[in-house]
ModelCIF file with pLDDT and N, C-alpha, C, O atoms, coordinates in Angstrom:
data_MODEL
#
_entry.id   MODEL 
#
_entity.id                         1 
_entity.type                       polymer 
_entity.pdbx_number_of_molecules   1 
#
_entity_poly.entity_id                      1 
_entity_poly.type                           'polypeptide(L)' 
_entity_poly.nstd_linkage                   no 
_entity_poly.nstd_monomer                   no 
_entity_poly.pdbx_seq_one_letter_code       RVPASEADQIVDKVRANGGTAWHLIGTNEGHGFAKKE 
_entity_poly.pdbx_seq_one_letter_code_can   RVPASEADQIVDKVRANGGTAWHLIGTNEGHGFAKKE 
_entity_poly.pdbx_strand_id                 A 
#
loop_
_entity_poly_seq.entity_id 
_entity_poly_seq.num 
_entity_poly_seq.mon_id 
_entity_poly_seq.hetero 
1 1  ARG n 
1 2  VAL n 
1 3  PRO n 
1 4  ALA n 
1 5  SER n 
1 6  GLU n 
1 7  ALA n 
1 8  ASP n 
1 9  GLN n 
1 10 ILE n 
1 11 VAL n 
1 12 ASP n 
1 13 LYS n 
1 14 VAL n 
1 15 ARG n 
1 16 ALA n 
1 17 ASN n 
1 18 GLY n 
1 19 GLY n 
1 20 THR n 
1 21 ALA n 
1 22 TRP n 
1 23 HIS n 
1 24 LEU n 
1 25 ILE n 
1 26 GLY n 
1 27 THR n 
1 28 ASN n 
1 29 GLU n 
1 30 GLY n 
1 31 HIS n 
1 32 GLY n 
1 33 PHE n 
1 34 ALA n 
1 35 LYS n 
1 36 LYS n 
1 37 GLU n 
#
_struct_asym.id          A 
_struct_asym.entity_id   1 
#
loop_
_ma_qa_metric.id 
_ma_qa_metric.mode 
_ma_qa_metric.name 
_ma_qa_metric.software_group_id 
_ma_qa_metric.type 
1 global pLDDT . pLDDT 
2 local  pLDDT . pLDDT 
#
_ma_qa_metric_global.metric_id      1 
_ma_qa_metric_global.metric_value   97.00 
_ma_qa_metric_global.model_id       1 
_ma_qa_metric_global.ordinal_id     1 
#
loop_
_ma_qa_metric_local.label_asym_id 
_ma_qa_metric_local.label_comp_id 
_ma_qa_metric_local.label_seq_id 
_ma_qa_metric_local.metric_id 
_ma_qa_metric_local.metric_value 
_ma_qa_metric_local.model_id 
_ma_qa_metric_local.ordinal_id 
A ARG 1  2 95.00 1 1  
A VAL 2  2 96.00 1 2  
A PRO 3  2 96.00 1 3  
A ALA 4  2 97.00 1 4  
A SER 5  2 97.00 1 5  
A GLU 6  2 97.00 1 6  
A ALA 7  2 97.00 1 7  
A ASP 8  2 98.00 1 8  
A GLN 9  2 98.00 1 9  
A ILE 10 2 98.00 1 10 
A VAL 11 2 98.00 1 11 
A ASP 12 2 98.00 1 12 
A LYS 13 2 98.00 1 13 
A VAL 14 2 98.00 1 14 
A ARG 15 2 98.00 1 15 
A ALA 16 2 97.00 1 16 
A ASN 17 2 96.00 1 17 
A GLY 18 2 96.00 1 18 
A GLY 19 2 96.00 1 19 
A THR 20 2 97.00 1 20 
A ALA 21 2 98.00 1 21 
A TRP 22 2 98.00 1 22 
A HIS 23 2 98.00 1 23 
A LEU 24 2 98.00 1 24 
A ILE 25 2 98.00 1 25 
A GLY 26 2 98.00 1 26 
A THR 27 2 98.00 1 27 
A ASN 28 2 97.00 1 28 
A GLU 29 2 97.00 1 29 
A GLY 30 2 96.00 1 30 
A HIS 31 2 96.00 1 31 
A GLY 32 2 95.00 1 32 
A PHE 33 2 96.00 1 33 
A ALA 34 2 95.00 1 34 
A LYS 35 2 97.00 1 35 
A LYS 36 2 96.00 1 36 
A GLU 37 2 97.00 1 37 
#
loop_
_atom_site.group_PDB 
_atom_site.id 
_atom_site.type_symbol 
_atom_site.label_atom_id 
_atom_site.label_alt_id 
_atom_site.label_comp_id 
_atom_site.label_asym_id 
_atom_site.label_entity_id 
_atom_site.label_seq_id 
_atom_site.pdbx_PDB_ins_code 
_atom_site.Cartn_x 
_atom_site.Cartn_y 
_atom_site.Cartn_z 
_atom_site.occupancy 
_atom_site.B_iso_or_equiv 
_atom_site.pdbx_formal_charge 
_atom_site.auth_seq_id 
_atom_site.auth_comp_id 
_atom_site.auth_asym_id 
_atom_site.auth_atom_id 
_atom_site.pdbx_PDB_model_num 
ATOM 1   N N  . ARG A 1 1  ? -84.847 -29.685 59.263 1.00 95.00 ? 1  ARG A N  1 
ATOM 2   C CA . ARG A 1 1  ? -84.695 -30.561 60.428 1.00 95.00 ? 1  ARG A CA 1 
ATOM 3   C C  . ARG A 1 1  ? -83.285 -30.482 60.988 1.00 95.00 ? 1  ARG A C  1 
ATOM 4   O O  . ARG A 1 1  ? -83.072 -30.082 62.133 1.00 95.00 ? 1  ARG A O  1 
ATOM 5   N N  . VAL A 1 2  ? -82.323 -30.873 60.154 1.00 96.00 ? 2  VAL A N  1 
ATOM 6   C CA . VAL A 1 2  ? -80.913 -30.789 60.543 1.00 96.00 ? 2  VAL A CA 1 
ATOM 7   C C  . VAL A 1 2  ? -80.283 -29.705 59.679 1.00 96.00 ? 2  VAL A C  1 
ATOM 8   O O  . VAL A 1 2  ? -79.953 -29.960 58.521 1.00 96.00 ? 2  VAL A O  1 
ATOM 9   N N  . PRO A 1 3  ? -80.109 -28.502 60.218 1.00 96.00 ? 3  PRO A N  1 
ATOM 10  C CA . PRO A 1 3  ? -79.615 -27.389 59.402 1.00 96.00 ? 3  PRO A CA 1 
ATOM 11  C C  . PRO A 1 3  ? -78.261 -27.681 58.776 1.00 96.00 ? 3  PRO A C  1 
ATOM 12  O O  . PRO A 1 3  ? -77.455 -28.434 59.321 1.00 96.00 ? 3  PRO A O  1 
ATOM 13  N N  . ALA A 1 4  ? -78.029 -27.070 57.623 1.00 97.00 ? 4  ALA A N  1 
ATOM 14  C CA . ALA A 1 4  ? -76.775 -27.289 56.898 1.00 97.00 ? 4  ALA A CA 1 
ATOM 15  C C  . ALA A 1 4  ? -75.553 -26.902 57.731 1.00 97.00 ? 4  ALA A C  1 
ATOM 16  O O  . ALA A 1 4  ? -74.455 -27.404 57.488 1.00 97.00 ? 4  ALA A O  1 
ATOM 17  N N  . SER A 1 5  ? -75.731 -26.030 58.694 1.00 97.00 ? 5  SER A N  1 
ATOM 18  C CA . SER A 1 5  ? -74.615 -25.627 59.555 1.00 97.00 ? 5  SER A CA 1 
ATOM 19  C C  . SER A 1 5  ? -74.046 -26.801 60.336 1.00 97.00 ? 5  SER A C  1 
ATOM 20  O O  . SER A 1 5  ? -72.877 -26.777 60.723 1.00 97.00 ? 5  SER A O  1 
ATOM 21  N N  . GLU A 1 6  ? -74.864 -27.840 60.577 1.00 97.00 ? 6  GLU A N  1 
ATOM 22  C CA . GLU A 1 6  ? -74.367 -29.034 61.266 1.00 97.00 ? 6  GLU A CA 1 
ATOM 23  C C  . GLU A 1 6  ? -73.271 -29.717 60.455 1.00 97.00 ? 6  GLU A C  1 
ATOM 24  O O  . GLU A 1 6  ? -72.313 -30.248 61.016 1.00 97.00 ? 6  GLU A O  1 
ATOM 25  N N  . ALA A 1 7  ? -73.415 -29.699 59.149 1.00 97.00 ? 7  ALA A N  1 
ATOM 26  C CA . ALA A 1 7  ? -72.392 -30.287 58.278 1.00 97.00 ? 7  ALA A CA 1 
ATOM 27  C C  . ALA A 1 7  ? -71.186 -29.370 58.163 1.00 97.00 ? 7  ALA A C  1 
ATOM 28  O O  . ALA A 1 7  ? -70.044 -29.818 58.259 1.00 97.00 ? 7  ALA A O  1 
ATOM 29  N N  . ASP A 1 8  ? -71.446 -28.082 57.956 1.00 98.00 ? 8  ASP A N  1 
ATOM 30  C CA . ASP A 1 8  ? -70.341 -27.136 57.750 1.00 98.00 ? 8  ASP A CA 1 
ATOM 31  C C  . ASP A 1 8  ? -69.355 -27.177 58.898 1.00 98.00 ? 8  ASP A C  1 
ATOM 32  O O  . ASP A 1 8  ? -68.144 -27.185 58.679 1.00 98.00 ? 8  ASP A O  1 
ATOM 33  N N  . GLN A 1 9  ? -69.865 -27.204 60.127 1.00 98.00 ? 9  GLN A N  1 
ATOM 34  C CA . GLN A 1 9  ? -68.968 -27.080 61.274 1.00 98.00 ? 9  GLN A CA 1 
ATOM 35  C C  . GLN A 1 9  ? -68.090 -28.322 61.468 1.00 98.00 ? 9  GLN A C  1 
ATOM 36  O O  . GLN A 1 9  ? -66.944 -28.203 61.901 1.00 98.00 ? 9  GLN A O  1 
ATOM 37  N N  . ILE A 1 10 ? -68.617 -29.510 61.153 1.00 98.00 ? 10 ILE A N  1 
ATOM 38  C CA . ILE A 1 10 ? -67.772 -30.689 61.348 1.00 98.00 ? 10 ILE A CA 1 
ATOM 39  C C  . ILE A 1 10 ? -66.790 -30.866 60.188 1.00 98.00 ? 10 ILE A C  1 
ATOM 40  O O  . ILE A 1 10 ? -65.662 -31.315 60.394 1.00 98.00 ? 10 ILE A O  1 
ATOM 41  N N  . VAL A 1 11 ? -67.218 -30.513 58.963 1.00 98.00 ? 11 VAL A N  1 
ATOM 42  C CA . VAL A 1 11 ? -66.285 -30.572 57.832 1.00 98.00 ? 11 VAL A CA 1 
ATOM 43  C C  . VAL A 1 11 ? -65.114 -29.629 58.082 1.00 98.00 ? 11 VAL A C  1 
ATOM 44  O O  . VAL A 1 11 ? -63.958 -29.993 57.866 1.00 98.00 ? 11 VAL A O  1 
ATOM 45  N N  . ASP A 1 12 ? -65.417 -28.425 58.535 1.00 98.00 ? 12 ASP A N  1 
ATOM 46  C CA . ASP A 1 12 ? -64.355 -27.449 58.812 1.00 98.00 ? 12 ASP A CA 1 
ATOM 47  C C  . ASP A 1 12 ? -63.399 -27.964 59.876 1.00 98.00 ? 12 ASP A C  1 
ATOM 48  O O  . ASP A 1 12 ? -62.184 -27.815 59.744 1.00 98.00 ? 12 ASP A O  1 
ATOM 49  N N  . LYS A 1 13 ? -63.937 -28.569 60.928 1.00 98.00 ? 13 LYS A N  1 
ATOM 50  C CA . LYS A 1 13 ? -63.081 -29.013 62.030 1.00 98.00 ? 13 LYS A CA 1 
ATOM 51  C C  . LYS A 1 13 ? -62.228 -30.209 61.633 1.00 98.00 ? 13 LYS A C  1 
ATOM 52  O O  . LYS A 1 13 ? -61.049 -30.276 61.982 1.00 98.00 ? 13 LYS A O  1 
ATOM 53  N N  . VAL A 1 14 ? -62.818 -31.155 60.903 1.00 98.00 ? 14 VAL A N  1 
ATOM 54  C CA . VAL A 1 14 ? -62.045 -32.319 60.464 1.00 98.00 ? 14 VAL A CA 1 
ATOM 55  C C  . VAL A 1 14 ? -60.905 -31.877 59.547 1.00 98.00 ? 14 VAL A C  1 
ATOM 56  O O  . VAL A 1 14 ? -59.778 -32.359 59.666 1.00 98.00 ? 14 VAL A O  1 
ATOM 57  N N  . ARG A 1 15 ? -61.205 -30.968 58.644 1.00 98.00 ? 15 ARG A N  1 
ATOM 58  C CA . ARG A 1 15 ? -60.155 -30.486 57.736 1.00 98.00 ? 15 ARG A CA 1 
ATOM 59  C C  . ARG A 1 15 ? -59.095 -29.689 58.478 1.00 98.00 ? 15 ARG A C  1 
ATOM 60  O O  . ARG A 1 15 ? -57.910 -29.786 58.160 1.00 98.00 ? 15 ARG A O  1 
ATOM 61  N N  . ALA A 1 16 ? -59.509 -28.905 59.459 1.00 97.00 ? 16 ALA A N  1 
ATOM 62  C CA . ALA A 1 16 ? -58.536 -28.119 60.235 1.00 97.00 ? 16 ALA A CA 1 
ATOM 63  C C  . ALA A 1 16 ? -57.581 -29.021 60.999 1.00 97.00 ? 16 ALA A C  1 
ATOM 64  O O  . ALA A 1 16 ? -56.442 -28.652 61.285 1.00 97.00 ? 16 ALA A O  1 
ATOM 65  N N  . ASN A 1 17 ? -58.078 -30.231 61.328 1.00 96.00 ? 17 ASN A N  1 
ATOM 66  C CA . ASN A 1 17 ? -57.237 -31.196 62.038 1.00 96.00 ? 17 ASN A CA 1 
ATOM 67  C C  . ASN A 1 17 ? -56.420 -32.072 61.093 1.00 96.00 ? 17 ASN A C  1 
ATOM 68  O O  . ASN A 1 17 ? -55.754 -33.012 61.526 1.00 96.00 ? 17 ASN A O  1 
ATOM 69  N N  . GLY A 1 18 ? -56.477 -31.754 59.794 1.00 96.00 ? 18 GLY A N  1 
ATOM 70  C CA . GLY A 1 18 ? -55.692 -32.499 58.820 1.00 96.00 ? 18 GLY A CA 1 
ATOM 71  C C  . GLY A 1 18 ? -56.373 -33.730 58.269 1.00 96.00 ? 18 GLY A C  1 
ATOM 72  O O  . GLY A 1 18 ? -55.742 -34.528 57.576 1.00 96.00 ? 18 GLY A O  1 
ATOM 73  N N  . GLY A 1 19 ? -57.674 -33.903 58.568 1.00 96.00 ? 19 GLY A N  1 
ATOM 74  C CA . GLY A 1 19 ? -58.390 -35.071 58.091 1.00 96.00 ? 19 GLY A CA 1 
ATOM 75  C C  . GLY A 1 19 ? -58.966 -34.873 56.701 1.00 96.00 ? 19 GLY A C  1 
ATOM 76  O O  . GLY A 1 19 ? -58.987 -33.761 56.173 1.00 96.00 ? 19 GLY A O  1 
ATOM 77  N N  . THR A 1 20 ? -59.436 -35.976 56.114 1.00 97.00 ? 20 THR A N  1 
ATOM 78  C CA . THR A 1 20 ? -60.073 -35.954 54.803 1.00 97.00 ? 20 THR A CA 1 
ATOM 79  C C  . THR A 1 20 ? -61.574 -35.842 54.968 1.00 97.00 ? 20 THR A C  1 
ATOM 80  O O  . THR A 1 20 ? -62.185 -36.648 55.669 1.00 97.00 ? 20 THR A O  1 
ATOM 81  N N  . ALA A 1 21 ? -62.180 -34.839 54.319 1.00 98.00 ? 21 ALA A N  1 
ATOM 82  C CA . ALA A 1 21 ? -63.630 -34.675 54.390 1.00 98.00 ? 21 ALA A CA 1 
ATOM 83  C C  . ALA A 1 21 ? -64.145 -34.191 53.041 1.00 98.00 ? 21 ALA A C  1 
ATOM 84  O O  . ALA A 1 21 ? -63.917 -33.047 52.650 1.00 98.00 ? 21 ALA A O  1 
ATOM 85  N N  . TRP A 1 22 ? -64.843 -35.080 52.336 1.00 98.00 ? 22 TRP A N  1 
ATOM 86  C CA . TRP A 1 22 ? -65.567 -34.673 51.131 1.00 98.00 ? 22 TRP A CA 1 
ATOM 87  C C  . TRP A 1 22 ? -66.885 -34.050 51.577 1.00 98.00 ? 22 TRP A C  1 
ATOM 88  O O  . TRP A 1 22 ? -67.433 -34.416 52.617 1.00 98.00 ? 22 TRP A O  1 
ATOM 89  N N  . HIS A 1 23 ? -67.396 -33.097 50.776 1.00 98.00 ? 23 HIS A N  1 
ATOM 90  C CA . HIS A 1 23 ? -68.658 -32.452 51.150 1.00 98.00 ? 23 HIS A CA 1 
ATOM 91  C C  . HIS A 1 23 ? -69.466 -32.167 49.885 1.00 98.00 ? 23 HIS A C  1 
ATOM 92  O O  . HIS A 1 23 ? -69.017 -31.443 48.996 1.00 98.00 ? 23 HIS A O  1 
ATOM 93  N N  . LEU A 1 24 ? -70.678 -32.755 49.820 1.00 98.00 ? 24 LEU A N  1 
ATOM 94  C CA . LEU A 1 24 ? -71.591 -32.545 48.696 1.00 98.00 ? 24 LEU A CA 1 
ATOM 95  C C  . LEU A 1 24 ? -72.836 -31.842 49.215 1.00 98.00 ? 24 LEU A C  1 
ATOM 96  O O  . LEU A 1 24 ? -73.505 -32.350 50.115 1.00 98.00 ? 24 LEU A O  1 
ATOM 97  N N  . ILE A 1 25 ? -73.155 -30.675 48.654 1.00 98.00 ? 25 ILE A N  1 
ATOM 98  C CA . ILE A 1 25 ? -74.277 -29.861 49.109 1.00 98.00 ? 25 ILE A CA 1 
ATOM 99  C C  . ILE A 1 25 ? -75.300 -29.712 47.991 1.00 98.00 ? 25 ILE A C  1 
ATOM 100 O O  . ILE A 1 25 ? -74.959 -29.336 46.869 1.00 98.00 ? 25 ILE A O  1 
ATOM 101 N N  . GLY A 1 26 ? -76.558 -30.010 48.309 1.00 98.00 ? 26 GLY A N  1 
ATOM 102 C CA . GLY A 1 26 ? -77.650 -29.785 47.366 1.00 98.00 ? 26 GLY A CA 1 
ATOM 103 C C  . GLY A 1 26 ? -78.334 -28.471 47.687 1.00 98.00 ? 26 GLY A C  1 
ATOM 104 O O  . GLY A 1 26 ? -79.052 -28.375 48.682 1.00 98.00 ? 26 GLY A O  1 
ATOM 105 N N  . THR A 1 27 ? -78.122 -27.454 46.859 1.00 98.00 ? 27 THR A N  1 
ATOM 106 C CA . THR A 1 27 ? -78.682 -26.136 47.162 1.00 98.00 ? 27 THR A CA 1 
ATOM 107 C C  . THR A 1 27 ? -80.187 -26.075 46.946 1.00 98.00 ? 27 THR A C  1 
ATOM 108 O O  . THR A 1 27 ? -80.835 -25.131 47.397 1.00 98.00 ? 27 THR A O  1 
ATOM 109 N N  . ASN A 1 28 ? -80.750 -27.060 46.269 1.00 97.00 ? 28 ASN A N  1 
ATOM 110 C CA . ASN A 1 28 ? -82.201 -27.117 46.072 1.00 97.00 ? 28 ASN A CA 1 
ATOM 111 C C  . ASN A 1 28 ? -82.805 -28.346 46.740 1.00 97.00 ? 28 ASN A C  1 
ATOM 112 O O  . ASN A 1 28 ? -83.828 -28.866 46.296 1.00 97.00 ? 28 ASN A O  1 
ATOM 113 N N  . GLU A 1 29 ? -82.159 -28.806 47.817 1.00 97.00 ? 29 GLU A N  1 
ATOM 114 C CA . GLU A 1 29 ? -82.614 -30.001 48.525 1.00 97.00 ? 29 GLU A CA 1 
ATOM 115 C C  . GLU A 1 29 ? -82.750 -29.718 50.023 1.00 97.00 ? 29 GLU A C  1 
ATOM 116 O O  . GLU A 1 29 ? -82.226 -28.733 50.543 1.00 97.00 ? 29 GLU A O  1 
ATOM 117 N N  . GLY A 1 30 ? -83.470 -30.613 50.693 1.00 96.00 ? 30 GLY A N  1 
ATOM 118 C CA . GLY A 1 30 ? -83.681 -30.487 52.125 1.00 96.00 ? 30 GLY A CA 1 
ATOM 119 C C  . GLY A 1 30 ? -83.133 -31.679 52.878 1.00 96.00 ? 30 GLY A C  1 
ATOM 120 O O  . GLY A 1 30 ? -81.940 -31.976 52.809 1.00 96.00 ? 30 GLY A O  1 
ATOM 121 N N  . HIS A 1 31 ? -84.018 -32.369 53.607 1.00 96.00 ? 31 HIS A N  1 
ATOM 122 C CA . HIS A 1 31 ? -83.591 -33.485 54.456 1.00 96.00 ? 31 HIS A CA 1 
ATOM 123 C C  . HIS A 1 31 ? -83.493 -34.758 53.616 1.00 96.00 ? 31 HIS A C  1 
ATOM 124 O O  . HIS A 1 31 ? -84.307 -35.672 53.741 1.00 96.00 ? 31 HIS A O  1 
ATOM 125 N N  . GLY A 1 32 ? -82.472 -34.791 52.757 1.00 95.00 ? 32 GLY A N  1 
ATOM 126 C CA . GLY A 1 32 ? -82.305 -35.863 51.784 1.00 95.00 ? 32 GLY A CA 1 
ATOM 127 C C  . GLY A 1 32 ? -82.520 -35.330 50.386 1.00 95.00 ? 32 GLY A C  1 
ATOM 128 O O  . GLY A 1 32 ? -83.144 -34.284 50.206 1.00 95.00 ? 32 GLY A O  1 
ATOM 129 N N  . PHE A 1 33 ? -82.008 -36.038 49.396 1.00 96.00 ? 33 PHE A N  1 
ATOM 130 C CA . PHE A 1 33 ? -82.087 -35.597 48.004 1.00 96.00 ? 33 PHE A CA 1 
ATOM 131 C C  . PHE A 1 33 ? -83.331 -36.209 47.357 1.00 96.00 ? 33 PHE A C  1 
ATOM 132 O O  . PHE A 1 33 ? -83.437 -37.429 47.231 1.00 96.00 ? 33 PHE A O  1 
ATOM 133 N N  . ALA A 1 34 ? -84.273 -35.349 46.948 1.00 95.00 ? 34 ALA A N  1 
ATOM 134 C CA . ALA A 1 34 ? -85.534 -35.811 46.363 1.00 95.00 ? 34 ALA A CA 1 
ATOM 135 C C  . ALA A 1 34 ? -85.544 -35.732 44.846 1.00 95.00 ? 34 ALA A C  1 
ATOM 136 O O  . ALA A 1 34 ? -86.430 -36.302 44.209 1.00 95.00 ? 34 ALA A O  1 
ATOM 137 N N  . LYS A 1 35 ? -84.583 -35.044 44.254 1.00 97.00 ? 35 LYS A N  1 
ATOM 138 C CA . LYS A 1 35 ? -84.537 -34.872 42.800 1.00 97.00 ? 35 LYS A CA 1 
ATOM 139 C C  . LYS A 1 35 ? -83.578 -35.902 42.208 1.00 97.00 ? 35 LYS A C  1 
ATOM 140 O O  . LYS A 1 35 ? -82.451 -36.064 42.676 1.00 97.00 ? 35 LYS A O  1 
ATOM 141 N N  . LYS A 1 36 ? -84.045 -36.591 41.172 1.00 96.00 ? 36 LYS A N  1 
ATOM 142 C CA . LYS A 1 36 ? -83.290 -37.731 40.649 1.00 96.00 ? 36 LYS A CA 1 
ATOM 143 C C  . LYS A 1 36 ? -81.890 -37.355 40.203 1.00 96.00 ? 36 LYS A C  1 
ATOM 144 O O  . LYS A 1 36 ? -80.942 -38.082 40.498 1.00 96.00 ? 36 LYS A O  1 
ATOM 145 N N  . GLU A 1 37 ? -81.732 -36.249 39.506 1.00 97.00 ? 37 GLU A N  1 
ATOM 146 C CA . GLU A 1 37 ? -80.408 -35.912 39.003 1.00 97.00 ? 37 GLU A CA 1 
ATOM 147 C C  . GLU A 1 37 ? -79.424 -35.701 40.158 1.00 97.00 ? 37 GLU A C  1 
ATOM 148 O O  . GLU A 1 37 ? -78.252 -35.408 39.924 1.00 97.00 ? 37 GLU A O  1 
#
């Protein structure tokens, strides 16, 4: 639905501007985290 590139591009831009951006990526997840761990 919302491709991961939507997150990548804003994290990169915020960091390039000197801002703080944490980023957590679920490589086995989609539109929300469905796995308990």
